[in-house]
């Protein structure tokens, strides 16, 4: 599939696969067919997110990560990114990441995980056919320690 495949009205495959780190380390961060289908489902949810945010553009900082890239960035092996089921993003025209999380919670946008990560929002979708867990978490970063995730929006 070409790199610039349009997944939905407002989202392109390249937005989910671009990675400075992958380029720097010569990693081919290209999803397979099933991962692209997950990215298409994820983009569909992000269309709902964009609509909820009054049409504010969403800037994806991290979407699909092949296993090698996921390890390189220090992400957990249970991450939804390698399956194409998660995106980290901001929407500055709407507001802060916390404002985004509040708006999505108020609107009842259904996700497997919605994580307030301080300077970005993580949104993950469930495995195809599974019910979403509807988890809302807040990441707590402590220098030199593993990131902790606390329940709720704190």
Protein backbone atom coordinates (compact mmCIF):
# COMPACT_ATOMS: atom_id res chain seq x y z
CA UNK A 1 0.00 0.00 0.00
CA UNK A 2 1.41 3.46 -0.84
CA UNK A 3 2.74 5.51 2.05
CA UNK A 4 0.20 8.29 1.57
CA UNK A 5 -2.95 6.18 1.57
CA UNK A 6 -5.95 8.13 2.81
CA UNK A 7 -7.48 6.24 5.74
CA UNK A 8 -10.41 8.60 6.42
CA UNK A 9 -11.46 12.10 5.40
CA UNK A 10 -8.85 13.81 7.58
CA UNK A 11 -6.18 11.17 8.21
CA UNK A 12 -3.46 9.66 6.06
CA UNK A 13 -1.38 6.55 6.71
CA UNK A 14 1.83 8.61 6.65
CA UNK A 15 0.64 10.58 9.71
CA UNK A 16 0.65 7.36 11.72
CA UNK A 17 3.95 5.95 10.47
CA UNK A 18 6.29 8.93 10.38
CA UNK A 19 9.04 8.74 12.99
CA UNK A 20 12.23 10.75 13.27
CA UNK A 21 13.69 8.05 15.48
CA UNK A 22 12.90 5.29 12.97
CA UNK A 23 14.55 7.33 10.22
CA UNK A 24 17.58 8.11 12.35
CA UNK A 25 18.10 4.42 13.16
CA UNK A 26 17.20 3.08 9.69
CA UNK A 27 14.06 1.28 10.86
CA UNK A 28 11.37 0.60 8.25
CA UNK A 29 8.28 1.56 10.23
CA UNK A 30 5.72 0.17 7.80
CA UNK A 31 2.57 -1.65 8.92
CA UNK A 32 1.27 -4.85 7.36
CA UNK A 33 -2.28 -5.26 6.04
CA UNK A 34 -3.92 -6.12 9.38
CA UNK A 35 -2.10 -3.26 11.11
CA UNK A 36 -3.33 -0.89 8.38
CA UNK A 37 -6.88 -2.07 9.01
CA UNK A 38 -6.40 -1.27 12.72
CA UNK A 39 -5.05 2.15 11.75
CA UNK A 40 -8.13 2.69 9.59
CA UNK A 41 -10.38 1.86 12.60
CA UNK A 42 -8.26 4.14 14.80
CA UNK A 43 -8.52 6.96 12.24
CA UNK A 44 -12.30 6.50 12.32
CA UNK A 45 -12.32 7.07 16.07
CA UNK A 46 -10.01 10.07 15.62
CA UNK A 47 -12.57 11.52 13.19
CA UNK A 48 -15.08 11.38 16.07
CA UNK A 49 -12.45 12.98 18.33
CA UNK A 50 -11.85 15.77 15.80
CA UNK A 51 -15.58 16.41 15.53
CA UNK A 52 -15.87 16.48 19.34
CA UNK A 53 -13.05 19.04 19.39
CA UNK A 54 -15.05 21.37 17.12
CA UNK A 55 -13.08 20.35 14.03
CA UNK A 56 -9.68 21.24 15.51
CA UNK A 57 -6.88 19.53 13.57
CA UNK A 58 -5.23 16.64 15.37
CA UNK A 59 -1.45 16.43 15.27
CA UNK A 60 -0.23 12.86 15.73
CA UNK A 61 3.18 12.60 17.39
CA UNK A 62 3.23 8.80 17.53
CA UNK A 63 0.97 6.26 15.88
CA UNK A 64 2.08 2.93 14.49
CA UNK A 65 5.39 1.65 15.86
CA UNK A 66 6.87 -1.55 14.52
CA UNK A 67 8.16 -3.79 17.35
CA UNK A 68 11.78 -2.65 16.85
CA UNK A 69 10.81 1.03 17.07
CA UNK A 70 8.50 0.36 20.03
CA UNK A 71 11.42 -1.21 21.92
CA UNK A 72 13.76 1.61 20.88
CA UNK A 73 11.46 4.27 22.34
CA UNK A 74 11.25 2.30 25.59
CA UNK A 75 7.58 1.44 25.32
CA UNK A 76 6.03 -1.51 27.09
CA UNK A 77 5.51 -4.79 25.22
CA UNK A 78 1.75 -4.49 25.92
CA UNK A 79 1.54 -1.21 23.98
CA UNK A 80 -1.20 -0.94 21.37
CA UNK A 81 1.08 1.08 19.06
CA UNK A 82 2.70 -1.97 17.33
CA UNK A 83 -0.76 -3.26 16.37
CA UNK A 84 -1.79 0.09 14.92
CA UNK A 85 -4.35 0.58 17.68
CA UNK A 86 -3.01 3.72 19.40
CA UNK A 87 -2.06 7.30 18.69
CA UNK A 88 -0.48 10.02 20.78
CA UNK A 89 -1.68 13.47 19.75
CA UNK A 90 -2.39 17.08 20.50
CA UNK A 91 -4.96 19.53 19.14
CA UNK A 92 -3.62 22.98 20.04
CA UNK A 93 -6.47 24.86 18.35
CA UNK A 94 -8.85 23.17 20.79
CA UNK A 95 -6.82 23.42 23.98
CA UNK A 96 -4.46 21.59 26.29
CA UNK A 97 -4.19 17.81 26.44
CA UNK A 98 -6.16 17.89 29.71
CA UNK A 99 -8.88 19.99 28.02
CA UNK A 100 -9.00 17.40 25.24
CA UNK A 101 -9.39 14.53 27.71
CA UNK A 102 -12.17 16.37 29.56
CA UNK A 103 -14.02 17.05 26.30
CA UNK A 104 -13.74 13.43 25.15
CA UNK A 105 -14.94 12.13 28.51
CA UNK A 106 -17.87 14.59 28.60
CA UNK A 107 -18.88 13.62 25.05
CA UNK A 108 -18.64 9.91 25.87
CA UNK A 109 -16.16 9.13 23.10
CA UNK A 110 -15.56 5.38 23.39
CA UNK A 111 -11.95 4.22 23.49
CA UNK A 112 -10.13 1.29 25.00
CA UNK A 113 -7.74 3.70 26.73
CA UNK A 114 -7.68 7.45 27.06
CA UNK A 115 -4.51 8.54 28.82
CA UNK A 116 -3.60 12.06 29.86
CA UNK A 117 0.16 12.06 29.36
CA UNK A 118 0.85 15.65 30.42
CA UNK A 119 1.93 17.17 27.12
CA UNK A 120 -0.09 14.84 24.87
CA UNK A 121 -3.11 12.52 24.80
CA UNK A 122 -2.87 8.78 24.18
CA UNK A 123 -5.93 7.15 22.66
CA UNK A 124 -6.08 3.42 22.07
CA UNK A 125 -8.78 1.26 20.55
CA UNK A 126 -9.65 -2.31 21.46
CA UNK A 127 -8.58 -5.38 19.53
CA UNK A 128 -10.99 -6.01 16.64
CA UNK A 129 -14.17 -7.65 17.97
CA UNK A 130 -13.38 -6.98 21.65
CA UNK A 131 -15.28 -4.61 23.90
CA UNK A 132 -13.30 -1.48 24.80
CA UNK A 133 -12.20 -1.25 28.42
CA UNK A 134 -13.09 2.47 28.54
CA UNK A 135 -10.08 3.16 30.78
CA UNK A 136 -9.24 6.74 31.64
CA UNK A 137 -5.76 7.10 33.10
CA UNK A 138 -3.26 9.77 34.02
CA UNK A 139 0.46 9.13 33.48
CA UNK A 140 2.77 10.10 36.32
CA UNK A 141 6.36 10.66 35.31
CA UNK A 142 9.11 10.44 37.93
CA UNK A 143 12.72 10.91 36.75
CA UNK A 144 14.64 7.64 36.84
CA UNK A 145 11.51 5.56 37.47
CA UNK A 146 9.04 3.70 35.29
CA UNK A 147 5.96 5.71 34.34
CA UNK A 148 2.97 4.99 36.56
CA UNK A 149 -0.63 5.15 35.35
CA UNK A 150 -3.26 6.21 37.85
CA UNK A 151 -7.00 5.73 37.30
CA UNK A 152 -9.01 8.77 36.27
CA UNK A 153 -8.13 12.21 35.00
CA UNK A 154 -6.01 13.86 37.66
